[in-house]
């Protein structure tokens, strides 16, 4: 887990401000129940 978090902070996290500033960043609550996460992801992918 530690290795994965180091990779996330180095490679993925820096992209958040870039896409956020362009208005294309979409957030999904990954801690919500699985059916809710699925609904949110489906909505993002369908453009809803």
Protein backbone atom coordinates (compact mmCIF):
# COMPACT_ATOMS: atom_id res chain seq x y z
CA UNK A 1 0.00 0.00 0.00
CA UNK A 2 2.83 2.37 0.84
CA UNK A 3 4.38 1.89 -2.62
CA UNK A 4 1.02 2.53 -4.28
CA UNK A 5 0.47 5.75 -2.30
CA UNK A 6 3.95 7.01 -3.20
CA UNK A 7 3.18 6.34 -6.88
CA UNK A 8 -0.22 8.06 -6.58
CA UNK A 9 1.28 11.18 -5.01
CA UNK A 10 4.08 11.35 -7.59
CA UNK A 11 2.18 10.44 -10.76
CA UNK A 12 -1.56 10.94 -10.34
CA UNK A 13 -2.18 13.62 -7.72
CA UNK A 14 -0.29 16.31 -9.70
CA UNK A 15 -2.86 15.94 -12.51
CA UNK A 16 -5.80 17.02 -10.31
CA UNK A 17 -5.13 20.79 -10.50
CA UNK A 18 -4.42 20.54 -14.24
CA UNK A 19 -7.76 18.92 -15.08
CA UNK A 20 -9.60 20.87 -12.38
CA UNK A 21 -8.50 24.18 -13.91
CA UNK A 22 -9.85 23.03 -17.27
CA UNK A 23 -13.23 22.10 -15.82
CA UNK A 24 -13.01 18.47 -16.83
CA UNK A 25 -12.23 16.86 -13.46
CA UNK A 26 -15.09 14.74 -12.13
CA UNK A 27 -15.04 13.32 -8.62
CA UNK A 28 -16.69 10.13 -7.41
CA UNK A 29 -17.10 9.19 -3.74
CA UNK A 30 -15.30 5.85 -3.69
CA UNK A 31 -16.31 5.33 -0.05
CA UNK A 32 -20.03 5.28 -0.89
CA UNK A 33 -21.86 1.96 -1.22
CA UNK A 34 -20.85 0.04 -4.34
CA UNK A 35 -24.14 0.63 -6.17
CA UNK A 36 -23.80 4.39 -5.57
CA UNK A 37 -20.20 4.43 -6.82
CA UNK A 38 -21.37 2.57 -9.94
CA UNK A 39 -24.20 5.08 -10.44
CA UNK A 40 -21.80 8.02 -10.10
CA UNK A 41 -19.25 6.54 -12.52
CA UNK A 42 -21.98 5.70 -15.01
CA UNK A 43 -23.24 9.27 -14.80
CA UNK A 44 -19.77 10.70 -15.42
CA UNK A 45 -19.18 8.41 -18.38
CA UNK A 46 -22.56 9.15 -19.95
CA UNK A 47 -22.04 12.89 -19.57
CA UNK A 48 -24.95 13.31 -17.14
